[in-house]
Structures are given as structure tokens and as C-alpha cells.
Amino acid sequence: QVQLVESGGGLVQAGGSLRLSCAASGRTFSDYAMGWFRQAPGKEREFVAAISRSGGSTYYADSVKGRFTISRDNAKNTVYLQMNSLEPDYTAVYYCAVALKPFTWPVLTTREYAYWGQGTQVTVSS
């Protein structure tokens, strides 16, 4: 049974930073790309960032390029999302996810991910 547990969300002022973590279990973590998505109230879930199984390749949504950094530690089965220069528009529930298929890249859409965490709320105040 694959489990993903996100942590690190919270309330932060505009311009501040947060670091999200996602601990995975139940799968050979290093065989799969990982991703972060977010969903704001009344909006569809959208792609934020993805990282290849080795961590050597990354992809970012245009809206977060230069502000967010995705990374992973395969020894700890954990993926991270460092978020800097946060804006109120970034307020959402952030989800991590594991790719549907191993050894695939890039993996950028929701249908390409098989397992999702419960989400962690990020609220950015103005």
C-alpha cells in the first residue's frame, strides 16, 4: 500500500518562505518520478513541479519558476518543495504524488500520477 504524507504547510506573509515535505512508503521510491500539485478553492488541481526518479531533472510551472525548488532524498523516501517569495495567489492545498509508471519522464499531468497525499494547506496573507 503506497502512502504519501505531506507536511510543512501553514500561514505565511507575502514574501515569506515555506518548505513542504512528502514522505513516501510502500513502493520503490527511487524508480518513480514525483510531483507537486496545488488546488485553490473553486479551481482545478494544477501542476506545480516535478522531479525525475534520480533527481537529475526537474520541471516547473511558469508561475513558480525561480521561486520554488523541488528536490528529493531517495535514501529517506522524501520529496521536498522549497517555496520562496510567496504570493497570496499561491494560497492552496498542496499535494504530492507518485508517478503511475516507473522509469518515465517527464510526468506533468494529473492523469500520469497514481497515488496522492492528503494535502497540506498553504495560506499566504497579504
Protein backbone atom coordinates (compact mmCIF):
# COMPACT_ATOMS: atom_id res chain seq x y z
CA GLN A 1 0.00 0.00 0.00
CA VAL A 2 1.51 3.29 -1.12
CA GLN A 3 1.28 6.13 1.39
CA LEU A 4 2.26 9.75 0.98
CA VAL A 5 2.27 12.11 3.92
CA GLU A 6 2.79 15.82 3.33
CA SER A 7 3.87 18.29 5.99
CA GLY A 8 5.21 21.81 6.28
CA GLY A 9 2.22 23.87 5.24
CA GLY A 10 0.94 26.81 7.22
CA LEU A 11 0.24 30.52 7.26
CA VAL A 12 2.90 32.87 5.97
CA GLN A 13 3.02 36.51 4.96
CA ALA A 14 3.56 37.54 1.36
CA GLY A 15 7.24 37.40 0.51
CA GLY A 16 7.87 34.64 3.02
CA SER A 17 9.01 31.06 2.57
CA LEU A 18 7.86 27.56 3.39
CA ARG A 19 9.34 24.14 2.85
CA LEU A 20 6.96 21.27 2.18
CA SER A 21 7.94 17.65 2.72
CA CYS A 22 6.35 14.47 1.45
CA ALA A 23 7.31 11.14 2.99
CA ALA A 24 6.55 8.10 0.84
CA SER A 25 6.23 4.43 1.69
CA GLY A 26 5.05 1.22 0.06
CA ARG A 27 6.93 1.48 -3.21
CA THR A 28 10.49 1.52 -4.53
CA PHE A 29 10.60 5.28 -4.32
CA SER A 30 13.68 5.74 -6.47
CA ASP A 31 12.01 4.11 -9.50
CA TYR A 32 9.37 6.83 -9.86
CA ALA A 33 9.13 10.47 -10.72
CA MET A 34 7.41 12.60 -8.10
CA GLY A 35 5.35 15.74 -8.40
CA TRP A 36 3.72 18.56 -6.50
CA PHE A 37 0.31 19.95 -7.43
CA ARG A 38 -1.96 22.51 -5.81
CA GLN A 39 -5.66 23.23 -5.72
CA ALA A 40 -7.17 26.55 -4.74
CA PRO A 41 -10.84 26.88 -3.72
CA GLY A 42 -13.10 26.68 -6.75
CA LYS A 43 -10.25 25.80 -9.10
CA GLU A 44 -8.92 22.64 -10.67
CA ARG A 45 -5.84 20.92 -9.38
CA GLU A 46 -2.80 22.26 -11.22
CA PHE A 47 0.75 21.18 -11.77
CA VAL A 48 3.45 22.92 -9.75
CA ALA A 49 6.68 20.94 -10.10
CA ALA A 50 8.03 17.50 -10.89
CA ILE A 51 11.31 15.70 -10.36
CA SER A 52 12.76 12.67 -12.10
CA ARG A 53 13.49 9.49 -10.18
CA SER A 54 17.15 10.32 -9.75
CA GLY A 55 16.53 13.99 -9.06
CA GLY A 56 18.63 14.99 -12.05
CA SER A 57 15.76 16.57 -13.97
CA THR A 58 13.04 18.94 -12.84
CA TYR A 59 10.07 20.77 -14.35
CA TYR A 60 8.21 23.79 -13.02
CA ALA A 61 5.02 25.60 -13.82
CA ASP A 62 5.77 29.01 -15.29
CA SER A 63 4.06 30.68 -12.35
CA VAL A 64 6.58 29.31 -9.85
CA LYS A 65 9.82 29.24 -11.83
CA GLY A 66 12.58 30.99 -9.94
CA ARG A 67 10.59 30.89 -6.69
CA PHE A 68 10.11 27.15 -5.99
CA THR A 69 12.65 24.34 -5.89
CA ILE A 70 11.76 20.67 -5.91
CA SER A 71 14.23 18.13 -4.58
CA ARG A 72 14.26 14.59 -3.30
CA ASP A 73 16.22 12.34 -0.98
CA ASN A 74 15.80 8.74 -2.12
CA ALA A 75 17.56 7.42 0.97
CA LYS A 76 14.79 8.99 3.07
CA ASN A 77 11.97 8.35 0.56
CA THR A 78 11.13 12.03 0.77
CA VAL A 79 10.47 14.78 -1.75
CA TYR A 80 10.60 18.48 -0.86
CA LEU A 81 9.23 21.72 -2.22
CA GLN A 82 11.05 24.87 -1.14
CA MET A 83 8.80 27.85 -1.75
CA ASN A 84 10.22 31.36 -1.64
CA SER A 85 8.78 34.81 -2.37
CA LEU A 86 5.28 33.54 -1.74
CA GLU A 87 2.29 35.49 -3.00
CA PRO A 88 -1.36 35.44 -1.87
CA ASP A 89 -2.28 33.77 -5.21
CA TYR A 90 -0.27 30.74 -4.09
CA THR A 91 -2.79 30.01 -1.36
CA ALA A 92 -4.00 26.44 -1.94
CA VAL A 93 -3.86 22.89 -0.73
CA TYR A 94 -0.59 21.38 -1.94
CA TYR A 95 -0.42 17.70 -2.84
CA CYS A 96 2.48 15.42 -3.60
CA ALA A 97 2.06 12.47 -5.93
CA VAL A 98 3.89 9.42 -7.26
CA ALA A 99 4.04 8.72 -10.99
CA LEU A 100 1.85 5.96 -12.38
CA LYS A 101 4.68 4.22 -14.23
CA PRO A 102 8.29 3.67 -13.21
CA PHE A 103 11.21 4.91 -15.28
CA THR A 104 9.14 7.56 -17.09
CA TRP A 105 9.90 11.23 -17.58
CA PRO A 106 8.64 13.90 -17.85
CA VAL A 107 5.47 13.38 -15.83
CA LEU A 108 3.46 16.58 -15.76
CA THR A 109 -0.30 15.89 -15.74
CA THR A 110 -2.60 14.60 -13.02
CA ARG A 111 -3.57 11.50 -15.01
CA GLU A 112 0.09 10.43 -15.11
CA TYR A 113 0.18 10.14 -11.31
CA ALA A 114 -1.20 7.17 -9.44
CA TYR A 115 -1.03 7.99 -5.74
CA TRP A 116 -1.70 11.22 -3.88
CA GLY A 117 -1.12 12.50 -0.40
CA GLN A 118 -3.83 14.06 1.73
CA GLY A 119 -2.58 17.56 1.03
CA THR A 120 -1.22 20.35 3.19
CA GLN A 121 -2.74 23.82 3.37
CA VAL A 122 -0.60 26.79 2.41
CA THR A 123 -2.08 30.21 3.14
CA VAL A 124 -0.26 33.37 2.11
CA SER A 125 -1.54 36.58 3.63
CA SER A 126 -1.13 39.98 2.00
